[in-house]
């Protein structure tokens, strides 16, 4: 009976490892292939800016202790004008308020491309 358990365990591990090995092999590019992907390709472009929490304070300066001038809620459209460290200077397109928000809560979403 123990040998049956070992055989089943080995077969199961082999079945689980096979897709991972196949994916690694399929994703590897040939060494001689030229880099034809351009920076403007649909999979290379960064996604839109999103809010990773329900709301984030818009600050007058790029500091957590500076005065809050507004609140940026999830779902609001906003424009990032510049970045300084982990802070982004934004305009809330819904309210028109301008100020700084922490990059801890505001970030670019990631595009996923399947070929």
Protein backbone atom coordinates (compact mmCIF):
# COMPACT_ATOMS: atom_id res chain seq x y z
CA UNK A 1 0.00 0.00 0.00
CA UNK A 2 2.79 2.56 0.73
CA UNK A 3 4.24 2.07 -2.77
CA UNK A 4 0.84 2.95 -4.27
CA UNK A 5 0.82 6.20 -2.28
CA UNK A 6 4.30 7.05 -3.50
CA UNK A 7 3.36 6.31 -7.10
CA UNK A 8 0.22 8.47 -6.83
CA UNK A 9 2.20 11.27 -5.17
CA UNK A 10 4.86 11.21 -7.89
CA UNK A 11 2.23 11.17 -10.64
CA UNK A 12 0.40 14.08 -9.03
CA UNK A 13 3.57 16.15 -8.64
CA UNK A 14 4.48 15.43 -12.26
CA UNK A 15 1.04 16.53 -13.44
CA UNK A 16 1.28 19.73 -11.39
CA UNK A 17 4.81 20.55 -12.57
CA UNK A 18 4.14 19.94 -16.27
CA UNK A 19 2.07 23.13 -16.91
CA UNK A 20 4.67 25.26 -15.12
CA UNK A 21 7.51 23.80 -17.19
CA UNK A 22 5.54 24.16 -20.42
CA UNK A 23 4.69 27.80 -19.62
CA UNK A 24 8.33 28.61 -18.88
CA UNK A 25 9.45 27.06 -22.16
CA UNK A 26 6.69 28.71 -24.19
CA UNK A 27 7.40 32.17 -22.77
CA UNK A 28 11.15 32.08 -23.32
CA UNK A 29 12.22 34.02 -26.41
CA UNK A 30 14.86 32.56 -28.70
CA UNK A 31 18.30 34.03 -28.07
CA UNK A 32 18.69 35.06 -31.71
CA UNK A 33 15.30 36.76 -32.01
CA UNK A 34 15.55 40.55 -32.37
CA UNK A 35 13.69 42.67 -29.88
CA UNK A 36 10.76 43.71 -32.06
CA UNK A 37 8.54 44.95 -29.22
CA UNK A 38 8.22 48.71 -29.29
CA UNK A 39 7.61 50.88 -26.22
CA UNK A 40 4.34 52.03 -27.76
CA UNK A 41 2.90 48.52 -28.05
CA UNK A 42 -0.46 47.87 -26.42
CA UNK A 43 1.07 45.60 -23.77
CA UNK A 44 3.88 47.99 -22.85
CA UNK A 45 1.88 51.10 -22.10
CA UNK A 46 1.04 51.84 -18.46
CA UNK A 47 -2.58 51.69 -17.44
CA UNK A 48 -4.71 54.52 -16.10
CA UNK A 49 -4.21 55.96 -12.65
CA UNK A 50 -6.45 54.41 -9.98
CA UNK A 51 -7.15 54.83 -6.28
CA UNK A 52 -6.31 51.77 -4.19
CA UNK A 53 -8.57 52.70 -1.26
CA UNK A 54 -12.01 54.25 -0.69
CA UNK A 55 -10.64 57.81 -0.46
CA UNK A 56 -7.35 59.65 -0.11
CA UNK A 57 -6.59 63.16 1.15
CA UNK A 58 -5.42 65.74 -1.35
CA UNK A 59 -2.69 67.73 0.41
CA UNK A 60 -1.33 71.24 -0.16
CA UNK A 61 2.27 69.93 -0.08
CA UNK A 62 3.91 66.56 -0.66
CA UNK A 63 3.79 65.69 3.03
CA UNK A 64 1.44 63.66 5.22
CA UNK A 65 1.42 66.48 7.78
CA UNK A 66 0.46 69.26 5.35
CA UNK A 67 -3.03 70.75 5.14
CA UNK A 68 -5.73 68.70 3.46
CA UNK A 69 -7.33 70.67 0.60
CA UNK A 70 -9.75 67.98 -0.54
CA UNK A 71 -10.57 64.30 -0.80
CA UNK A 72 -10.12 62.11 -3.85
CA UNK A 73 -12.72 59.35 -3.81
CA UNK A 74 -12.55 56.02 -5.61
CA UNK A 75 -14.17 56.40 -9.00
CA UNK A 76 -13.16 60.04 -9.44
CA UNK A 77 -11.22 60.73 -12.59
CA UNK A 78 -7.97 62.59 -12.00
CA UNK A 79 -4.91 63.77 -13.87
CA UNK A 80 -1.35 63.34 -12.60
CA UNK A 81 0.81 66.31 -13.57
CA UNK A 82 4.11 65.43 -11.92
CA UNK A 83 5.68 63.09 -9.38
CA UNK A 84 8.07 63.85 -6.55
CA UNK A 85 9.30 60.81 -4.66
CA UNK A 86 6.23 58.84 -3.64
CA UNK A 87 3.88 61.83 -4.08
CA UNK A 88 1.86 62.82 -7.15
CA UNK A 89 0.59 66.32 -7.99
CA UNK A 90 -2.94 65.78 -9.32
CA UNK A 91 -6.11 67.51 -10.42
CA UNK A 92 -9.38 65.89 -9.41
CA UNK A 93 -11.38 66.17 -12.64
CA UNK A 94 -14.66 65.81 -10.72
CA UNK A 95 -14.13 68.72 -8.29
CA UNK A 96 -11.25 70.64 -9.88
CA UNK A 97 -9.17 70.48 -6.68
CA UNK A 98 -5.40 70.40 -7.22
CA UNK A 99 -2.85 69.07 -4.78
CA UNK A 100 -0.62 66.22 -3.72
CA UNK A 101 -1.63 62.61 -3.02
CA UNK A 102 0.48 59.78 -1.67
CA UNK A 103 1.69 57.13 -4.11
CA UNK A 104 0.84 54.57 -1.44
CA UNK A 105 -2.84 54.97 -2.35
CA UNK A 106 -2.69 56.18 -5.97
CA UNK A 107 -0.95 54.12 -8.64
CA UNK A 108 -1.02 52.97 -12.23
CA UNK A 109 -3.05 49.89 -13.02
CA UNK A 110 -1.38 47.08 -14.91
CA UNK A 111 -2.43 45.93 -18.39
CA UNK A 112 -2.53 42.23 -19.05
CA UNK A 113 -1.97 41.10 -22.60
CA UNK A 114 -2.47 37.58 -23.84
CA UNK A 115 -1.10 36.75 -27.25
